[in-house]
Amino acid sequence: MTLKKTDQLNSESFESLLEKLEAAVGRLENEELPLDEAIAQYQAAMTLVTACRTRLDEAEKTVNLLVQKNNGDWKTEPLPDRDDSGDN
């Protein structure tokens, strides 16, 4: 993937990336593409999957868990890591 393509993907909204991914998957599933075109569509889809996953990971890092303290005030705390089982 070229730097220009990466910059272009970074500037697009998550929803736009997801629509493009769905369209690429639809072409792979519903069209009889020549092998070279199918491979190109697959590569484009995987690039979009990576961009969407990256965007979701970034969003998850920015989400905070809102917790009410005993005195009634609200504070934010980072979400626990997905790896945390909660068992200490």
N, C-alpha and C. Protein backbone atom coordinates (compact mmCIF):
# COMPACT_ATOMS: atom_id res chain seq x y z
N MET A 1 0.85 -1.17 0.00
CA MET A 1 0.00 0.00 0.00
C MET A 1 0.89 1.23 0.00
N THR A 2 0.57 2.17 -0.84
CA THR A 2 1.39 3.37 -0.95
C THR A 2 1.03 4.36 0.14
N LEU A 3 1.96 5.29 0.37
CA LEU A 3 1.73 6.33 1.38
C LEU A 3 0.49 7.14 1.03
N LYS A 4 0.32 7.45 -0.27
CA LYS A 4 -0.84 8.23 -0.70
C LYS A 4 -2.13 7.48 -0.37
N LYS A 5 -2.16 6.17 -0.61
CA LYS A 5 -3.34 5.36 -0.32
C LYS A 5 -3.60 5.33 1.19
N THR A 6 -2.55 5.20 1.99
CA THR A 6 -2.69 5.19 3.44
C THR A 6 -3.26 6.52 3.91
N ASP A 7 -2.74 7.63 3.41
CA ASP A 7 -3.26 8.95 3.78
C ASP A 7 -4.73 9.08 3.40
N GLN A 8 -5.08 8.55 2.23
CA GLN A 8 -6.46 8.63 1.77
C GLN A 8 -7.37 7.83 2.71
N LEU A 9 -6.95 6.63 3.09
CA LEU A 9 -7.76 5.82 4.01
C LEU A 9 -7.88 6.49 5.37
N ASN A 10 -6.81 7.11 5.85
CA ASN A 10 -6.83 7.77 7.15
C ASN A 10 -7.76 8.96 7.17
N SER A 11 -7.99 9.58 6.02
CA SER A 11 -8.83 10.77 5.98
C SER A 11 -10.31 10.43 5.80
N GLU A 12 -10.62 9.19 5.51
CA GLU A 12 -12.01 8.79 5.31
C GLU A 12 -12.66 8.38 6.63
N SER A 13 -13.96 8.54 6.69
CA SER A 13 -14.69 8.15 7.90
C SER A 13 -14.74 6.63 7.99
N PHE A 14 -14.94 6.15 9.21
CA PHE A 14 -15.08 4.71 9.42
C PHE A 14 -16.23 4.17 8.59
N GLU A 15 -17.34 4.90 8.57
CA GLU A 15 -18.52 4.46 7.84
C GLU A 15 -18.22 4.33 6.34
N SER A 16 -17.45 5.26 5.80
CA SER A 16 -17.08 5.20 4.39
C SER A 16 -16.19 3.98 4.11
N LEU A 17 -15.24 3.74 5.00
CA LEU A 17 -14.37 2.57 4.85
C LEU A 17 -15.19 1.28 4.91
N LEU A 18 -16.14 1.23 5.84
CA LEU A 18 -16.96 0.04 5.99
C LEU A 18 -17.84 -0.19 4.75
N GLU A 19 -18.37 0.88 4.18
CA GLU A 19 -19.17 0.75 2.95
C GLU A 19 -18.32 0.20 1.82
N LYS A 20 -17.10 0.70 1.70
CA LYS A 20 -16.20 0.21 0.65
C LYS A 20 -15.85 -1.26 0.88
N LEU A 21 -15.64 -1.64 2.13
CA LEU A 21 -15.35 -3.03 2.45
C LEU A 21 -16.53 -3.91 2.09
N GLU A 22 -17.73 -3.49 2.46
CA GLU A 22 -18.92 -4.27 2.14
C GLU A 22 -19.10 -4.41 0.62
N ALA A 23 -18.80 -3.36 -0.12
CA ALA A 23 -18.90 -3.42 -1.58
C ALA A 23 -17.87 -4.39 -2.16
N ALA A 24 -16.66 -4.36 -1.65
CA ALA A 24 -15.62 -5.26 -2.14
C ALA A 24 -15.98 -6.71 -1.84
N VAL A 25 -16.48 -6.97 -0.65
CA VAL A 25 -16.89 -8.33 -0.28
C VAL A 25 -18.06 -8.77 -1.16
N GLY A 26 -18.99 -7.86 -1.40
CA GLY A 26 -20.13 -8.17 -2.27
C GLY A 26 -19.69 -8.55 -3.67
N ARG A 27 -18.72 -7.82 -4.21
CA ARG A 27 -18.20 -8.16 -5.54
C ARG A 27 -17.56 -9.54 -5.53
N LEU A 28 -16.82 -9.83 -4.48
CA LEU A 28 -16.18 -11.15 -4.38
C LEU A 28 -17.21 -12.27 -4.27
N GLU A 29 -18.27 -12.02 -3.54
CA GLU A 29 -19.28 -13.05 -3.33
C GLU A 29 -20.24 -13.22 -4.50
N ASN A 30 -20.56 -12.13 -5.17
CA ASN A 30 -21.66 -12.16 -6.14
C ASN A 30 -21.25 -12.07 -7.60
N GLU A 31 -20.03 -11.74 -7.88
CA GLU A 31 -19.60 -11.60 -9.26
C GLU A 31 -18.61 -12.70 -9.62
N GLU A 32 -18.71 -13.12 -10.86
CA GLU A 32 -17.72 -14.07 -11.35
C GLU A 32 -16.58 -13.26 -11.94
N LEU A 33 -15.58 -13.03 -11.13
CA LEU A 33 -14.45 -12.21 -11.52
C LEU A 33 -13.33 -13.09 -12.06
N PRO A 34 -12.60 -12.58 -13.04
CA PRO A 34 -11.37 -13.28 -13.42
C PRO A 34 -10.44 -13.34 -12.21
N LEU A 35 -9.58 -14.32 -12.18
CA LEU A 35 -8.71 -14.56 -11.02
C LEU A 35 -7.93 -13.31 -10.62
N ASP A 36 -7.33 -12.62 -11.57
CA ASP A 36 -6.54 -11.43 -11.24
C ASP A 36 -7.40 -10.35 -10.58
N GLU A 37 -8.62 -10.16 -11.07
CA GLU A 37 -9.50 -9.16 -10.47
C GLU A 37 -9.96 -9.60 -9.08
N ALA A 38 -10.22 -10.90 -8.93
CA ALA A 38 -10.63 -11.41 -7.62
C ALA A 38 -9.52 -11.22 -6.60
N ILE A 39 -8.29 -11.47 -7.00
CA ILE A 39 -7.15 -11.27 -6.10
C ILE A 39 -7.01 -9.80 -5.74
N ALA A 40 -7.16 -8.92 -6.72
CA ALA A 40 -7.07 -7.48 -6.46
C ALA A 40 -8.18 -7.04 -5.51
N GLN A 41 -9.40 -7.56 -5.69
CA GLN A 41 -10.51 -7.23 -4.80
C GLN A 41 -10.24 -7.73 -3.39
N TYR A 42 -9.68 -8.93 -3.29
CA TYR A 42 -9.35 -9.50 -1.99
C TYR A 42 -8.31 -8.64 -1.28
N GLN A 43 -7.28 -8.23 -2.01
CA GLN A 43 -6.25 -7.37 -1.42
C GLN A 43 -6.83 -6.04 -0.97
N ALA A 44 -7.72 -5.46 -1.79
CA ALA A 44 -8.35 -4.19 -1.41
C ALA A 44 -9.21 -4.39 -0.16
N ALA A 45 -9.93 -5.50 -0.10
CA ALA A 45 -10.77 -5.78 1.06
C ALA A 45 -9.93 -5.94 2.32
N MET A 46 -8.80 -6.63 2.21
CA MET A 46 -7.95 -6.83 3.38
C MET A 46 -7.33 -5.50 3.84
N THR A 47 -7.00 -4.63 2.92
CA THR A 47 -6.50 -3.30 3.27
C THR A 47 -7.58 -2.53 4.02
N LEU A 48 -8.82 -2.63 3.56
CA LEU A 48 -9.93 -1.97 4.23
C LEU A 48 -10.21 -2.58 5.59
N VAL A 49 -10.09 -3.90 5.71
CA VAL A 49 -10.26 -4.55 7.02
C VAL A 49 -9.24 -4.00 8.00
N THR A 50 -8.00 -3.90 7.57
CA THR A 50 -6.94 -3.38 8.44
C THR A 50 -7.23 -1.94 8.85
N ALA A 51 -7.66 -1.13 7.88
CA ALA A 51 -7.97 0.27 8.19
C ALA A 51 -9.14 0.37 9.17
N CYS A 52 -10.17 -0.44 8.97
CA CYS A 52 -11.33 -0.42 9.89
C CYS A 52 -10.92 -0.90 11.28
N ARG A 53 -10.14 -1.97 11.35
CA ARG A 53 -9.70 -2.50 12.65
C ARG A 53 -8.86 -1.46 13.39
N THR A 54 -7.98 -0.80 12.67
CA THR A 54 -7.15 0.25 13.27
C THR A 54 -8.02 1.37 13.81
N ARG A 55 -9.00 1.78 13.02
CA ARG A 55 -9.90 2.85 13.43
C ARG A 55 -10.69 2.44 14.67
N LEU A 56 -11.17 1.19 14.71
CA LEU A 56 -11.90 0.70 15.88
C LEU A 56 -11.00 0.63 17.11
N ASP A 57 -9.77 0.18 16.93
CA ASP A 57 -8.83 0.13 18.05
C ASP A 57 -8.56 1.52 18.61
N GLU A 58 -8.41 2.50 17.72
CA GLU A 58 -8.18 3.88 18.16
C GLU A 58 -9.40 4.41 18.92
N ALA A 59 -10.58 4.09 18.42
CA ALA A 59 -11.80 4.54 19.09
C ALA A 59 -11.93 3.91 20.47
N GLU A 60 -11.59 2.64 20.56
CA GLU A 60 -11.68 1.95 21.85
C GLU A 60 -10.75 2.58 22.87
N LYS A 61 -9.58 3.00 22.43
CA LYS A 61 -8.63 3.63 23.34
C LYS A 61 -9.14 4.95 23.88
N THR A 62 -9.99 5.62 23.12
CA THR A 62 -10.48 6.93 23.55
C THR A 62 -11.76 6.85 24.38
N VAL A 63 -12.39 5.70 24.37
CA VAL A 63 -13.62 5.54 25.14
C VAL A 63 -13.27 5.38 26.61
N ASN A 64 -13.96 6.05 27.42
CA ASN A 64 -13.76 5.92 28.87
C ASN A 64 -15.01 5.36 29.51
N LEU A 65 -14.80 4.65 30.58
CA LEU A 65 -15.89 4.12 31.37
C LEU A 65 -16.28 5.18 32.40
N LEU A 66 -17.51 5.55 32.39
CA LEU A 66 -17.99 6.56 33.33
C LEU A 66 -18.42 5.87 34.62
N VAL A 67 -17.85 6.32 35.74
CA VAL A 67 -18.09 5.69 37.04
C VAL A 67 -18.60 6.73 38.01
N GLN A 68 -19.63 6.37 38.75
CA GLN A 68 -20.13 7.27 39.78
C GLN A 68 -19.45 6.94 41.10
N LYS A 69 -18.81 7.97 41.66
CA LYS A 69 -18.14 7.79 42.95
C LYS A 69 -19.19 7.76 44.06
N ASN A 70 -18.75 7.36 45.25
CA ASN A 70 -19.66 7.25 46.40
C ASN A 70 -20.36 8.57 46.73
N ASN A 71 -19.69 9.71 46.50
CA ASN A 71 -20.29 11.00 46.84
C ASN A 71 -21.25 11.51 45.75
N GLY A 72 -21.48 10.71 44.72
CA GLY A 72 -22.42 11.10 43.66
C GLY A 72 -21.76 11.77 42.47
N ASP A 73 -20.50 12.17 42.59
CA ASP A 73 -19.79 12.77 41.47
C ASP A 73 -19.47 11.70 40.43
N TRP A 74 -19.34 12.14 39.21
CA TRP A 74 -18.99 11.23 38.12
C TRP A 74 -17.53 11.44 37.75
N LYS A 75 -16.84 10.39 37.41
CA LYS A 75 -15.47 10.49 36.93
C LYS A 75 -15.31 9.50 35.78
N THR A 76 -14.27 9.69 35.02
CA THR A 76 -14.00 8.76 33.93
C THR A 76 -12.79 7.92 34.26
N GLU A 77 -12.81 6.69 33.81
CA GLU A 77 -11.69 5.78 33.97
C GLU A 77 -11.47 5.10 32.64
N PRO A 78 -10.23 4.78 32.32
CA PRO A 78 -10.00 4.07 31.07
C PRO A 78 -10.65 2.69 31.12
N LEU A 79 -11.06 2.22 29.94
CA LEU A 79 -11.60 0.87 29.87
C LEU A 79 -10.52 -0.12 30.24
N PRO A 80 -10.89 -1.20 30.91
CA PRO A 80 -9.89 -2.23 31.19
C PRO A 80 -9.46 -2.90 29.89
N ASP A 81 -8.24 -3.43 29.87
CA ASP A 81 -7.78 -4.15 28.69
C ASP A 81 -8.67 -5.34 28.45
N ARG A 82 -8.82 -5.72 27.18
CA ARG A 82 -9.64 -6.87 26.84
C ARG A 82 -9.07 -8.14 27.45
N ASP A 83 -7.76 -8.18 27.70
CA ASP A 83 -7.11 -9.36 28.24
C ASP A 83 -7.42 -9.56 29.72
N ASP A 84 -7.84 -8.47 30.39
CA ASP A 84 -8.13 -8.58 31.82
C ASP A 84 -9.37 -9.43 32.03
N SER A 85 -9.24 -10.45 32.84
CA SER A 85 -10.38 -11.34 33.09
C SER A 85 -11.21 -10.85 34.27
N GLY A 86 -10.68 -9.90 35.02
CA GLY A 86 -11.37 -9.40 36.18
C GLY A 86 -11.10 -10.22 37.42
N ASP A 87 -10.40 -11.33 37.26
CA ASP A 87 -10.03 -12.17 38.40
C ASP A 87 -8.69 -11.70 38.95
N ASN A 88 -8.65 -11.30 40.20
CA ASN A 88 -7.39 -10.84 40.79
C ASN A 88 -6.89 -11.82 41.79
